[in-house]
N, C-alpha and C. Protein backbone atom coordinates (compact mmCIF):
# COMPACT_ATOMS: atom_id res chain seq x y z
N UNK A 1 0.87 -1.25 -0.04
CA UNK A 1 0.25 -0.06 -0.39
C UNK A 1 1.26 1.17 0.19
N UNK A 2 0.59 2.27 -0.97
CA UNK A 2 1.23 3.49 -0.64
C UNK A 2 0.63 4.62 -0.64
N UNK A 3 0.43 5.31 0.19
CA UNK A 3 -0.54 6.36 0.04
C UNK A 3 -0.16 7.64 -0.68
N UNK A 4 -0.77 8.94 -0.98
CA UNK A 4 -0.20 10.30 -1.58
C UNK A 4 -0.89 10.98 -2.11
N UNK A 5 -0.45 12.23 -0.88
CA UNK A 5 -1.32 13.38 -1.14
C UNK A 5 -1.32 13.74 -2.06
N UNK A 6 -2.49 14.11 -2.89
CA UNK A 6 -2.10 15.15 -4.56
C UNK A 6 -3.08 16.04 -3.91
N UNK A 7 -2.90 17.02 -4.90
CA UNK A 7 -3.71 17.93 -5.26
C UNK A 7 -4.21 18.95 -3.61
N UNK A 8 -4.87 19.46 -3.60
CA UNK A 8 -5.53 19.89 -2.33
C UNK A 8 -6.42 19.11 -2.03
N UNK A 9 -6.37 18.76 -0.68
CA UNK A 9 -7.13 17.80 0.08
C UNK A 9 -7.22 16.28 0.01
N UNK A 10 -6.68 15.84 -1.18
CA UNK A 10 -7.12 14.72 -1.43
C UNK A 10 -5.65 14.02 -1.60
N UNK A 11 -6.33 12.36 -1.35
CA UNK A 11 -4.82 11.77 -1.04
C UNK A 11 -5.39 10.64 -2.12
N UNK A 12 -4.00 9.68 -2.58
CA UNK A 12 -4.30 8.15 -3.66
C UNK A 12 -3.51 7.58 -2.90
N UNK A 13 -4.75 6.32 -2.69
CA UNK A 13 -3.88 5.09 -2.05
C UNK A 13 -3.47 4.27 -3.45
N UNK A 14 -2.69 3.55 -3.90
CA UNK A 14 -1.74 2.74 -4.64
C UNK A 14 -1.79 1.02 -4.27
N UNK A 15 -2.16 0.26 -4.61
CA UNK A 15 -2.57 -1.33 -4.07
C UNK A 15 -1.93 -2.08 -4.95
N UNK A 16 -1.75 -3.05 -4.43
CA UNK A 16 -0.62 -4.47 -5.57
C UNK A 16 -1.77 -5.00 -6.13
N UNK A 17 -3.30 -4.75 -6.30
CA UNK A 17 -4.18 -5.97 -6.72
C UNK A 17 -5.32 -5.39 -6.53
N UNK A 18 -6.12 -5.46 -7.59
CA UNK A 18 -7.69 -4.86 -7.68
C UNK A 18 -8.23 -5.58 -6.40
N UNK A 19 -8.22 -6.67 -6.19
CA UNK A 19 -8.86 -7.23 -4.63
C UNK A 19 -8.69 -6.82 -3.06
N UNK A 20 -7.16 -6.00 -3.49
CA UNK A 20 -6.99 -5.23 -2.36
C UNK A 20 -7.41 -3.95 -2.01
N UNK A 21 -7.88 -3.53 -3.56
CA UNK A 21 -8.00 -1.68 -3.62
C UNK A 21 -9.76 -2.40 -3.30
N UNK A 22 -10.48 -3.09 -4.02
CA UNK A 22 -11.50 -3.03 -3.32
C UNK A 22 -12.35 -3.56 -2.28
N UNK A 23 -11.28 -4.46 -1.30
CA UNK A 23 -10.87 -4.55 0.19
C UNK A 23 -11.11 -3.06 1.10
N UNK A 24 -10.07 -2.35 0.44
CA UNK A 24 -10.07 -1.24 1.04
C UNK A 24 -10.81 -0.18 0.70
N UNK A 25 -11.17 -0.02 -0.47
CA UNK A 25 -12.38 0.43 -0.68
C UNK A 25 -13.80 0.31 0.62
N UNK A 26 -14.15 -1.16 0.14
CA UNK A 26 -14.95 -1.83 1.26
C UNK A 26 -15.01 -1.07 2.79
N UNK A 27 -13.65 -1.07 3.53
CA UNK A 27 -13.46 -0.76 4.52
C UNK A 27 -13.24 0.60 4.72
N UNK A 28 -12.41 1.37 3.41
CA UNK A 28 -13.35 2.98 3.79
C UNK A 28 -14.62 3.20 4.19
N UNK A 29 -15.51 2.80 3.54
CA UNK A 29 -16.83 2.65 3.66
C UNK A 29 -17.61 2.60 4.87
N UNK A 30 -16.95 1.57 5.45
CA UNK A 30 -17.34 1.10 7.02
C UNK A 30 -17.30 1.85 7.75
N UNK A 31 -15.60 2.51 7.66
CA UNK A 31 -15.23 3.07 9.15
C UNK A 31 -16.02 4.61 8.41
N UNK A 32 -16.10 5.12 7.28
CA UNK A 32 -17.06 6.42 7.22
C UNK A 32 -18.08 5.76 7.75
N UNK A 33 -18.64 5.15 7.19
CA UNK A 33 -20.42 4.67 8.14
C UNK A 33 -20.05 4.97 9.52
N UNK A 34 -19.67 4.26 9.89
CA UNK A 34 -19.09 4.06 11.49
C UNK A 34 -18.64 5.79 12.29
N UNK A 35 -18.06 7.02 11.82
CA UNK A 35 -17.66 7.52 12.10
C UNK A 35 -16.19 7.40 12.29
N UNK A 36 -15.62 6.35 11.58
CA UNK A 36 -14.37 6.21 12.27
C UNK A 36 -13.01 6.74 11.60
N UNK A 37 -13.81 7.84 10.13
CA UNK A 37 -12.70 8.18 8.99
C UNK A 37 -12.77 9.27 9.08
N UNK A 38 -11.73 10.35 9.20
CA UNK A 38 -11.92 12.05 8.74
C UNK A 38 -13.07 12.01 7.77
N UNK A 39 -13.82 13.67 8.14
CA UNK A 39 -14.76 13.82 7.25
C UNK A 39 -13.73 13.69 5.89
N UNK A 40 -14.48 13.07 4.71
CA UNK A 40 -14.07 12.97 3.72
C UNK A 40 -15.12 13.32 2.24
N UNK A 41 -14.81 13.65 1.68
CA UNK A 41 -16.28 14.05 1.06
C UNK A 41 -16.88 13.06 -0.53
N UNK A 42 -15.88 12.52 -1.21
CA UNK A 42 -15.87 11.59 -2.19
C UNK A 42 -14.94 10.11 -1.83
N UNK A 43 -15.00 9.52 -2.02
CA UNK A 43 -14.13 7.75 -1.94
C UNK A 43 -14.29 7.19 -3.27
N UNK A 44 -13.17 7.52 -4.54
CA UNK A 44 -14.02 6.66 -5.70
C UNK A 44 -12.96 5.38 -5.97
N UNK A 45 -12.91 4.67 -6.03
CA UNK A 45 -12.15 2.88 -6.74
C UNK A 45 -11.71 2.91 -7.62
N UNK A 46 -10.70 2.77 -8.46
CA UNK A 46 -10.54 2.50 -9.56
C UNK A 46 -9.82 0.63 -9.45
N UNK A 47 -8.74 0.62 -10.61
CA UNK A 47 -8.31 -0.73 -11.08
C UNK A 47 -7.42 -0.98 -9.68
N UNK A 48 -6.74 -0.37 -9.41
CA UNK A 48 -5.92 -0.86 -8.49
C UNK A 48 -5.40 0.75 -7.38
N UNK A 49 -6.23 1.51 -7.53
CA UNK A 49 -6.24 2.67 -6.54
C UNK A 49 -7.80 2.80 -5.79
N UNK A 50 -7.66 3.70 -4.56
CA UNK A 50 -8.52 4.22 -4.24
C UNK A 50 -8.36 5.80 -4.07
N UNK A 51 -8.97 6.68 -4.22
CA UNK A 51 -9.08 8.39 -4.39
C UNK A 51 -10.09 8.77 -3.26
N UNK A 52 -9.57 9.61 -2.02
CA UNK A 52 -9.89 10.66 -1.13
C UNK A 52 -10.43 11.61 -1.03
N UNK A 53 -11.01 12.43 -1.61
CA UNK A 53 -10.99 13.73 -1.72
C UNK A 53 -12.19 14.80 -0.78
N UNK A 54 -11.70 15.80 -0.39
CA UNK A 54 -11.93 16.80 0.85
C UNK A 54 -11.87 16.37 1.91
N UNK A 55 -10.50 15.71 1.85
CA UNK A 55 -9.76 15.52 3.38
C UNK A 55 -9.38 17.13 3.67
N UNK A 56 -9.28 17.36 5.61
CA UNK A 56 -8.73 18.34 5.89
C UNK A 56 -7.21 18.47 5.63
N UNK A 57 -6.56 16.71 6.24
CA UNK A 57 -5.61 16.92 6.33
C UNK A 57 -4.83 14.91 5.69
N UNK A 58 -4.79 15.37 4.51
CA UNK A 58 -4.60 13.72 3.77
C UNK A 58 -3.39 13.16 4.50
N UNK A 59 -2.35 13.89 4.89
CA UNK A 59 -1.23 13.66 5.10
C UNK A 59 -1.06 12.91 6.36
N UNK A 60 -2.06 13.13 7.30
CA UNK A 60 -1.91 12.32 8.70
C UNK A 60 -2.65 11.33 8.50
N UNK A 61 -4.15 11.17 7.49
CA UNK A 61 -4.44 9.67 6.69
C UNK A 61 -3.52 8.94 6.09
N UNK A 62 -2.45 9.46 5.04
CA UNK A 62 -1.54 8.84 4.52
C UNK A 62 -0.45 8.48 5.57
N UNK A 63 -0.26 8.72 6.72
CA UNK A 63 0.55 7.80 7.34
C UNK A 63 -0.10 6.54 8.78
N UNK A 64 -1.35 6.78 8.63
CA UNK A 64 -2.35 6.16 9.68
C UNK A 64 -2.77 4.85 8.40
N UNK A 65 -2.88 5.04 6.89
CA UNK A 65 -3.22 3.92 6.09
C UNK A 65 -2.27 2.68 6.62
N UNK A 66 -0.98 3.00 6.69
CA UNK A 66 -0.07 1.58 6.60
C UNK A 66 -0.68 0.85 7.67
N UNK A 67 -1.23 1.05 8.97
CA UNK A 67 -0.64 0.83 10.58
C UNK A 67 -2.21 0.14 10.32
N UNK A 68 -3.25 -0.22 9.24
CA UNK A 68 -4.56 -0.61 9.10
C UNK A 68 -4.48 -2.21 9.03
N UNK A 69 -6.02 -2.64 9.70
CA UNK A 69 -5.44 -4.13 9.29
C UNK A 69 -6.95 -4.07 8.29
N UNK A 70 -6.51 -4.70 6.88
CA UNK A 70 -7.84 -4.23 5.98
C UNK A 70 -8.08 -5.74 6.06
N UNK A 71 -9.55 -6.29 6.58
CA UNK A 71 -10.35 -7.45 6.23
C UNK A 71 -10.30 -7.46 4.63
N UNK A 72 -10.50 -9.27 4.32
CA UNK A 72 -10.51 -8.70 2.59
C UNK A 72 -12.31 -9.53 2.84
N UNK A 73 -12.63 -8.84 1.76
CA UNK A 73 -13.66 -9.02 1.41
C UNK A 73 -15.29 -10.57 1.70
N UNK A 74 -15.96 -9.81 1.72
CA UNK A 74 -16.52 -11.52 2.13
C UNK A 74 -16.82 -11.99 1.45
N UNK A 75 -16.86 -13.52 1.23
CA UNK A 75 -17.55 -14.29 0.03
C UNK A 75 -18.75 -14.24 -0.71
N UNK A 76 -19.57 -14.16 0.16
CA UNK A 76 -21.25 -14.10 -0.64
C UNK A 76 -21.89 -13.00 0.98
N UNK A 77 -21.80 -11.57 0.19
CA UNK A 77 -22.13 -10.44 0.90
C UNK A 77 -23.95 -10.40 1.20
N UNK A 78 -24.37 -11.48 -0.12
CA UNK A 78 -26.17 -11.24 0.54
C UNK A 78 -26.88 -10.20 -0.35
N UNK A 79 -28.13 -10.25 -0.33
CA UNK A 79 -28.71 -8.44 -0.70
C UNK A 79 -28.11 -8.42 -2.27
N UNK A 80 -28.07 -9.00 -3.17
CA UNK A 80 -27.73 -8.71 -4.47
C UNK A 80 -28.56 -8.20 -5.01
N UNK A 81 -28.07 -7.54 -6.18
CA UNK A 81 -28.89 -7.20 -7.57
C UNK A 81 -29.42 -7.73 -8.54
N UNK A 82 -30.41 -8.28 -8.85
CA UNK A 82 -30.85 -9.82 -9.98
C UNK A 82 -30.76 -8.61 -11.36
N UNK A 83 -29.82 -8.73 -12.35
CA UNK A 83 -29.70 -8.26 -13.45
C UNK A 83 -30.61 -9.41 -14.83
N UNK A 84 -31.60 -9.44 -15.25
CA UNK A 84 -32.17 -10.20 -16.51
C UNK A 84 -31.33 -10.31 -17.58
N UNK A 85 -30.45 -11.61 -18.06
CA UNK A 85 -29.78 -11.83 -19.58
C UNK A 85 -29.69 -12.22 -20.57
N UNK A 86 -30.60 -12.28 -21.35
CA UNK A 86 -30.17 -13.19 -22.57
C UNK A 86 -29.04 -13.77 -22.95
N UNK A 87 -28.60 -15.17 -22.87
CA UNK A 87 -27.70 -15.27 -23.27
C UNK A 87 -27.62 -15.77 -24.63
N UNK A 88 -27.41 -14.41 -25.40
CA UNK A 88 -27.54 -14.77 -26.68
C UNK A 88 -26.11 -13.83 -27.03
N UNK A 89 -25.05 -13.78 -26.84
CA UNK A 89 -24.12 -13.50 -27.82
C UNK A 89 -23.39 -13.91 -28.24
N UNK A 90 -22.53 -13.33 -29.11
CA UNK A 90 -21.84 -13.26 -31.29
C UNK A 90 -20.55 -14.41 -29.96
N UNK A 91 -20.11 -13.81 -28.93
CA UNK A 91 -18.96 -14.79 -28.26
C UNK A 91 -19.12 -15.64 -27.34
N UNK A 92 -20.58 -16.59 -27.17
CA UNK A 92 -20.77 -17.17 -26.36
C UNK A 92 -20.13 -18.63 -26.68
N UNK A 93 -19.71 -19.07 -27.45
CA UNK A 93 -19.55 -20.18 -28.46
C UNK A 93 -18.24 -20.40 -27.75
N UNK A 94 -17.26 -19.28 -28.64
CA UNK A 94 -15.89 -19.24 -28.15
C UNK A 94 -15.32 -19.15 -26.65
N UNK A 95 -16.31 -18.23 -25.79
CA UNK A 95 -16.11 -18.35 -24.13
C UNK A 95 -16.33 -19.73 -24.11
N UNK A 96 -17.20 -20.66 -24.42
CA UNK A 96 -17.36 -21.34 -23.96
C UNK A 96 -16.23 -22.66 -24.27
N UNK A 97 -15.70 -22.19 -25.35
CA UNK A 97 -14.68 -23.45 -26.08
C UNK A 97 -13.55 -22.84 -24.77
N UNK A 98 -13.01 -21.30 -24.92
CA UNK A 98 -11.83 -21.23 -23.80
C UNK A 98 -12.11 -21.66 -22.38
N UNK A 99 -13.12 -22.31 -21.55
CA UNK A 99 -13.77 -22.43 -20.63
C UNK A 99 -13.94 -23.97 -20.63
N UNK A 100 -13.27 -24.83 -21.73
CA UNK A 100 -13.75 -26.30 -22.02
C UNK A 100 -15.24 -26.32 -21.21
N UNK A 101 -16.54 -25.94 -21.76
CA UNK A 101 -17.65 -26.23 -21.41
C UNK A 101 -18.36 -25.95 -22.66
N UNK A 102 -19.63 -25.59 -22.53
CA UNK A 102 -20.31 -26.16 -23.58
C UNK A 102 -20.88 -24.15 -23.22
N UNK A 103 -22.06 -23.99 -23.93
CA UNK A 103 -22.66 -22.71 -23.95
C UNK A 103 -23.77 -22.65 -22.67
N UNK A 104 -24.12 -23.54 -22.79
CA UNK A 104 -24.95 -24.04 -21.35
C UNK A 104 -24.13 -23.80 -20.00
N UNK A 105 -22.95 -24.04 -20.04
CA UNK A 105 -22.34 -24.36 -19.29
C UNK A 105 -21.39 -22.87 -18.60
N UNK A 106 -21.42 -22.24 -19.79
CA UNK A 106 -20.93 -20.79 -19.53
C UNK A 106 -22.12 -19.84 -18.97
N UNK A 107 -23.45 -20.29 -19.28
CA UNK A 107 -24.98 -19.55 -18.96
C UNK A 107 -24.90 -19.97 -17.03
N UNK A 108 -24.52 -21.05 -16.90
CA UNK A 108 -24.52 -22.12 -15.82
C UNK A 108 -23.54 -21.45 -14.68
N UNK A 109 -22.47 -21.31 -14.93
CA UNK A 109 -21.20 -20.63 -14.21
C UNK A 109 -21.67 -19.08 -14.27
N UNK A 110 -22.13 -18.64 -14.89
CA UNK A 110 -22.15 -17.21 -14.40
C UNK A 110 -23.65 -16.75 -14.05
N UNK A 111 -24.20 -17.42 -14.21
CA UNK A 111 -25.62 -17.30 -13.15
C UNK A 111 -25.35 -17.65 -12.01
N UNK A 112 -24.49 -18.90 -11.87
CA UNK A 112 -23.97 -19.20 -10.25
C UNK A 112 -23.14 -18.34 -9.44
N UNK A 113 -22.94 -17.16 -10.09
CA UNK A 113 -21.40 -16.44 -9.40
C UNK A 113 -22.04 -15.19 -9.02
N UNK A 114 -21.78 -14.69 -7.39
CA UNK A 114 -22.02 -12.98 -7.46
C UNK A 114 -21.01 -12.42 -7.81
N UNK A 115 -21.26 -11.54 -8.30
CA UNK A 115 -20.25 -10.26 -8.63
C UNK A 115 -20.38 -8.75 -8.09
N UNK A 116 -19.44 -8.23 -8.00
CA UNK A 116 -19.29 -7.46 -7.48
C UNK A 116 -18.65 -6.06 -8.29
N UNK A 117 -19.73 -5.05 -7.68
CA UNK A 117 -19.14 -3.62 -8.61
C UNK A 117 -17.62 -3.14 -7.85
N UNK A 118 -16.50 -3.41 -8.77
CA UNK A 118 -15.12 -2.95 -8.21
C UNK A 118 -15.05 -1.37 -8.20
N UNK A 119 -15.75 -1.06 -9.58
CA UNK A 119 -15.47 0.59 -9.82
C UNK A 119 -15.91 0.74 -10.77
N UNK A 120 -16.41 2.15 -11.27
CA UNK A 120 -17.34 2.67 -12.42
C UNK A 120 -15.87 3.19 -13.30
N UNK A 121 -16.58 3.62 -14.75
CA UNK A 121 -15.69 4.41 -15.48
C UNK A 121 -15.77 3.89 -17.08
N UNK A 122 -15.17 4.10 -18.38
CA UNK A 122 -15.27 4.02 -19.54
C UNK A 122 -16.61 5.01 -20.31
N UNK A 123 -17.20 4.62 -19.41
CA UNK A 123 -18.70 5.37 -19.80
C UNK A 123 -19.95 5.55 -18.57
N UNK A 124 -20.71 6.18 -18.44
CA UNK A 124 -21.50 7.20 -17.31
C UNK A 124 -22.30 5.31 -17.45
N UNK A 125 -22.09 5.05 -16.21
CA UNK A 125 -23.13 3.61 -15.98
C UNK A 125 -22.11 2.49 -15.78
N UNK A 126 -21.08 2.75 -16.77
CA UNK A 126 -20.54 1.04 -16.62
C UNK A 126 -19.59 0.62 -15.65
N UNK A 127 -20.23 -0.58 -15.41
CA UNK A 127 -19.17 -0.62 -14.08
C UNK A 127 -18.48 -2.11 -14.34
N UNK A 128 -17.13 -2.35 -13.84
CA UNK A 128 -16.47 -3.42 -13.41
C UNK A 128 -16.34 -3.66 -12.68
N UNK A 129 -16.95 -5.17 -13.37
CA UNK A 129 -17.48 -6.35 -11.98
C UNK A 129 -16.63 -7.85 -11.77
N UNK A 130 -16.18 -7.94 -10.59
CA UNK A 130 -15.65 -8.98 -10.22
C UNK A 130 -16.05 -10.37 -9.75
N UNK A 131 -15.79 -11.43 -9.95
CA UNK A 131 -16.08 -12.43 -8.88
C UNK A 131 -15.58 -13.39 -9.56
N UNK A 132 -15.35 -13.75 -11.04
CA UNK A 132 -15.17 -14.89 -11.64
C UNK A 132 -13.80 -15.29 -11.18
N UNK A 133 -13.68 -16.49 -11.03
CA UNK A 133 -12.23 -17.03 -10.75
C UNK A 133 -11.27 -16.89 -11.46
N UNK A 134 -10.14 -16.80 -11.15
CA UNK A 134 -8.80 -16.61 -12.72
C UNK A 134 -9.20 -17.82 -13.40
N UNK A 135 -9.57 -18.73 -13.63
CA UNK A 135 -9.60 -20.24 -14.41
C UNK A 135 -10.87 -19.56 -15.66
N UNK A 136 -11.68 -18.93 -15.61
CA UNK A 136 -12.57 -18.16 -15.98
C UNK A 136 -12.40 -16.98 -16.57
N UNK A 137 -10.91 -16.13 -16.10
CA UNK A 137 -10.71 -14.94 -17.02
C UNK A 137 -10.21 -14.93 -18.36
N UNK A 138 -11.07 -14.23 -18.91
CA UNK A 138 -10.99 -14.43 -21.07
C UNK A 138 -10.33 -13.23 -21.56
N UNK A 139 -9.55 -13.33 -22.63
CA UNK A 139 -9.11 -11.90 -23.10
C UNK A 139 -10.14 -11.18 -24.00
N UNK A 140 -9.58 -10.03 -23.68
CA UNK A 140 -10.68 -9.49 -24.77
C UNK A 140 -9.77 -10.13 -26.40
N UNK A 141 -11.05 -9.67 -27.60
CA UNK A 141 -10.54 -9.34 -28.27
C UNK A 141 -10.13 -9.29 -29.25
N UNK A 142 -9.19 -9.76 -30.17
CA UNK A 142 -7.95 -9.53 -30.84
C UNK A 142 -8.32 -8.20 -31.44
N UNK A 143 -9.72 -8.25 -32.13
CA UNK A 143 -9.94 -7.06 -32.84
C UNK A 143 -11.29 -6.67 -32.43
N UNK A 144 -11.43 -5.15 -31.70
CA UNK A 144 -12.24 -4.70 -30.68
C UNK A 144 -13.58 -4.66 -32.10
N UNK A 145 -14.52 -4.52 -32.12
CA UNK A 145 -16.25 -4.29 -32.47
C UNK A 145 -16.10 -2.50 -33.16
N UNK A 146 -16.27 -2.35 -34.01
CA UNK A 146 -16.57 -0.70 -33.81
C UNK A 146 -18.06 -0.39 -33.33
N UNK A 147 -18.47 -1.48 -33.08
CA UNK A 147 -19.94 -1.33 -32.35
C UNK A 147 -20.24 -2.60 -31.99
N UNK A 148 -20.85 -2.52 -30.30
CA UNK A 148 -21.62 -3.17 -29.65
C UNK A 148 -22.63 -2.45 -29.02
N UNK A 149 -23.55 -3.04 -29.16
CA UNK A 149 -24.95 -2.71 -29.07
C UNK A 149 -25.45 -2.42 -27.53
N UNK A 150 -26.04 -1.16 -27.25
CA UNK A 150 -26.96 -1.22 -25.61
C UNK A 150 -27.19 -2.65 -25.33
N UNK A 151 -26.55 -2.60 -23.72
CA UNK A 151 -27.11 -3.63 -23.16
C UNK A 151 -26.03 -5.31 -23.26
N UNK A 152 -25.35 -5.08 -23.99
CA UNK A 152 -24.67 -6.18 -24.07
C UNK A 152 -24.04 -6.56 -22.73
N UNK A 153 -23.64 -7.90 -23.00
CA UNK A 153 -22.94 -8.21 -21.24
C UNK A 153 -21.73 -9.25 -21.78
N UNK A 154 -20.71 -8.63 -21.20
CA UNK A 154 -19.35 -8.68 -21.50
C UNK A 154 -18.09 -9.37 -21.04
N UNK A 155 -17.15 -9.95 -21.10
CA UNK A 155 -16.03 -10.47 -20.44
C UNK A 155 -14.87 -9.84 -20.52
N UNK A 156 -13.89 -9.65 -20.17
CA UNK A 156 -12.81 -9.65 -20.54
C UNK A 156 -11.71 -9.39 -18.72
N UNK A 157 -10.67 -10.13 -19.42
CA UNK A 157 -9.76 -10.51 -18.17
C UNK A 157 -10.24 -10.43 -17.11
N UNK A 158 -10.53 -9.97 -15.49
CA UNK A 158 -11.09 -10.31 -14.27
C UNK A 158 -12.68 -9.78 -14.29
N UNK A 159 -12.67 -9.06 -15.68
CA UNK A 159 -14.21 -8.23 -15.05
C UNK A 159 -15.83 -8.79 -15.85
N UNK A 160 -16.36 -8.70 -15.47
CA UNK A 160 -17.92 -8.59 -16.18
C UNK A 160 -18.09 -7.10 -16.61
N UNK A 161 -18.94 -7.16 -17.58
CA UNK A 161 -20.09 -5.96 -17.53
C UNK A 161 -21.11 -5.69 -18.50
N UNK A 162 -22.04 -4.54 -18.20
CA UNK A 162 -22.72 -4.09 -19.58
C UNK A 162 -22.74 -3.01 -20.18
N UNK A 163 -22.60 -2.73 -21.27
CA UNK A 163 -22.45 -1.93 -22.06
C UNK A 163 -23.49 -0.24 -21.52
N UNK A 164 -23.92 0.30 -21.12
CA UNK A 164 -24.79 1.33 -20.90
C UNK A 164 -25.33 1.64 -21.97
N UNK A 165 -24.33 2.07 -23.11
CA UNK A 165 -24.92 2.74 -24.59
C UNK A 165 -23.95 1.77 -25.34
N UNK A 166 -24.54 2.28 -27.11
CA UNK A 166 -23.41 1.57 -27.65
C UNK A 166 -22.35 2.41 -27.84
N UNK A 167 -21.38 1.81 -27.96
CA UNK A 167 -19.60 2.18 -28.31
C UNK A 167 -19.27 1.04 -28.73
N UNK A 168 -17.71 1.66 -29.55
CA UNK A 168 -16.95 0.19 -29.85
C UNK A 168 -16.67 -0.38 -28.57
N UNK A 169 -16.21 -1.66 -28.30
CA UNK A 169 -15.76 -2.03 -27.28
C UNK A 169 -14.57 -3.78 -28.33
N UNK A 170 -14.01 -4.15 -27.20
CA UNK A 170 -13.32 -5.30 -27.44
C UNK A 170 -13.63 -6.54 -26.84
N UNK A 171 -15.02 -6.50 -25.62
CA UNK A 171 -15.12 -7.51 -24.51
C UNK A 171 -15.89 -8.87 -25.14
N UNK A 172 -15.76 -9.54 -24.72
CA UNK A 172 -16.47 -10.81 -25.16
C UNK A 172 -18.04 -10.97 -24.77
N UNK A 173 -18.91 -11.12 -26.00
CA UNK A 173 -20.15 -10.71 -25.89
C UNK A 173 -20.86 -12.10 -25.30
N UNK A 174 -21.18 -12.21 -24.31
CA UNK A 174 -21.96 -13.38 -23.86
C UNK A 174 -23.19 -13.54 -24.03
N UNK A 175 -24.19 -12.04 -24.03
CA UNK A 175 -25.27 -12.20 -23.42
C UNK A 175 -26.04 -10.68 -23.93
N UNK A 176 -27.04 -10.38 -23.69
CA UNK A 176 -27.42 -9.01 -23.24
C UNK A 176 -28.81 -8.56 -22.34
N UNK A 177 -29.01 -7.42 -22.11
CA UNK A 177 -29.74 -7.01 -21.08
C UNK A 177 -30.42 -6.02 -21.13
N UNK A 178 -31.97 -5.75 -20.53
CA UNK A 178 -32.73 -4.53 -20.75
C UNK A 178 -32.56 -3.82 -19.86
N UNK A 179 -32.05 -3.99 -19.02
CA UNK A 179 -31.66 -3.44 -17.48
C UNK A 179 -31.25 -1.34 -17.90
N UNK A 180 -31.60 -0.65 -17.36
CA UNK A 180 -31.16 0.78 -17.54
C UNK A 180 -30.36 0.47 -16.70
N UNK A 181 -28.78 0.99 -17.29
CA UNK A 181 -27.69 1.44 -16.44
C UNK A 181 -27.83 2.82 -15.97
N UNK A 182 -28.00 3.52 -17.08
CA UNK A 182 -27.63 5.15 -16.56
C UNK A 182 -28.89 5.99 -16.82
N UNK A 183 -29.69 6.59 -16.04
CA UNK A 183 -31.00 7.48 -15.90
C UNK A 183 -30.74 8.54 -15.57
N UNK A 184 -30.46 9.65 -16.42
CA UNK A 184 -30.57 11.14 -15.98
C UNK A 184 -31.82 11.57 -14.75
N UNK A 185 -32.93 10.93 -15.28
CA UNK A 185 -34.33 11.23 -14.06
C UNK A 185 -34.15 10.12 -12.72
N UNK A 186 -32.80 9.52 -12.83
CA UNK A 186 -32.87 8.53 -11.46
C UNK A 186 -32.36 9.36 -10.60
N UNK A 187 -32.51 8.77 -9.19
CA UNK A 187 -31.33 9.39 -8.07
C UNK A 187 -31.20 7.85 -7.53
N UNK A 188 -29.96 7.41 -7.40
CA UNK A 188 -28.95 7.75 -8.36
C UNK A 188 -29.06 7.62 -10.00
N UNK A 189 -28.42 8.14 -10.29
CA UNK A 189 -28.58 8.34 -12.03
C UNK A 189 -27.74 6.51 -12.70
N UNK A 190 -26.77 6.07 -11.70
CA UNK A 190 -25.99 4.98 -12.10
C UNK A 190 -26.81 4.32 -10.92
N UNK A 191 -27.07 2.83 -12.39
CA UNK A 191 -27.84 1.17 -11.45
C UNK A 191 -26.59 0.72 -10.56
N UNK A 192 -25.57 0.76 -11.25
CA UNK A 192 -24.45 0.16 -10.89
C UNK A 192 -23.79 1.00 -9.48
N UNK A 193 -23.13 0.53 -8.50
CA UNK A 193 -21.99 1.35 -8.07
C UNK A 193 -20.83 1.14 -7.30
N UNK A 194 -20.03 1.35 -6.65
CA UNK A 194 -18.64 0.77 -6.82
C UNK A 194 -19.29 -0.56 -4.71
N UNK A 195 -19.09 -1.46 -4.89
CA UNK A 195 -19.45 -2.02 -3.73
C UNK A 195 -21.09 -3.11 -3.95
N UNK A 196 -21.83 -2.99 -5.22
CA UNK A 196 -22.91 -3.38 -4.74
C UNK A 196 -22.43 -4.83 -5.63
N UNK A 197 -23.20 -5.73 -4.78
CA UNK A 197 -23.41 -7.17 -5.39
C UNK A 197 -24.08 -7.46 -6.60
N UNK A 198 -23.95 -8.12 -7.25
CA UNK A 198 -24.99 -8.68 -8.35
C UNK A 198 -24.93 -9.53 -9.33
N UNK A 199 -26.09 -10.36 -9.83
CA UNK A 199 -25.85 -11.52 -9.83
C UNK A 199 -26.94 -11.37 -11.25
N UNK A 200 -26.23 -11.58 -12.45
CA UNK A 200 -26.97 -12.13 -13.38
C UNK A 200 -27.24 -13.35 -13.88
N UNK A 201 -28.51 -12.95 -13.83
CA UNK A 201 -30.22 -13.98 -14.17
C UNK A 201 -30.33 -14.61 -15.57
N UNK A 202 -30.80 -16.20 -16.02
CA UNK A 202 -31.31 -16.00 -17.12
C UNK A 202 -32.87 -15.65 -17.15
N UNK A 203 -32.93 -14.61 -18.23
CA UNK A 203 -34.17 -14.21 -18.47
C UNK A 203 -35.62 -15.20 -18.51
N UNK A 204 -36.25 -14.51 -17.87
CA UNK A 204 -37.41 -15.75 -17.38
C UNK A 204 -37.47 -16.81 -15.84
N UNK A 205 -35.85 -16.59 -15.66
CA UNK A 205 -35.63 -17.62 -14.43
C UNK A 205 -35.94 -17.10 -13.30
N UNK A 206 -36.19 -16.37 -13.32
CA UNK A 206 -36.76 -15.64 -11.69
C UNK A 206 -37.92 -15.54 -11.24
């Protein structure tokens, strides 16, 4: 862990892995809710970092963080958000081959996995979800698509995600969803937030 004061009242914490960043983010949220953390405006996780802004004394927290004991994330957190998915993606058969299973096997594995939104980015409403064991991590497509339809459910490396709008993309597309991930008229506008538990349920199974 490396904590660096940046800018005015901000602290950037660099971690060795995505799992460590997720665990620290969860611990920061817990301590903030319990009033065990100095007042902070935002806690923003990324792939291997967590940014805290609005701190009165970032240097003090930077000195304290290395002394913390940060527990690992719980394996089953409960209260997951169910997202209905049609497993009809153009790369479903390719992912099945990479996993040495059938398309039905891919559906079963994804449906039985509890994912967690590690961080958000790329476009408004896009969440990078973790939870798949390393043996199920898949490479990005060698040639990205120039257009990925809105609602596409894809995999890339350790992450799963649903495209909130049409855009270019290189993820392996295994399905699609009608879930509205970003809605300006909703509060909050984003359906996914860091720390949210998510299950991808085959459409019609709920």
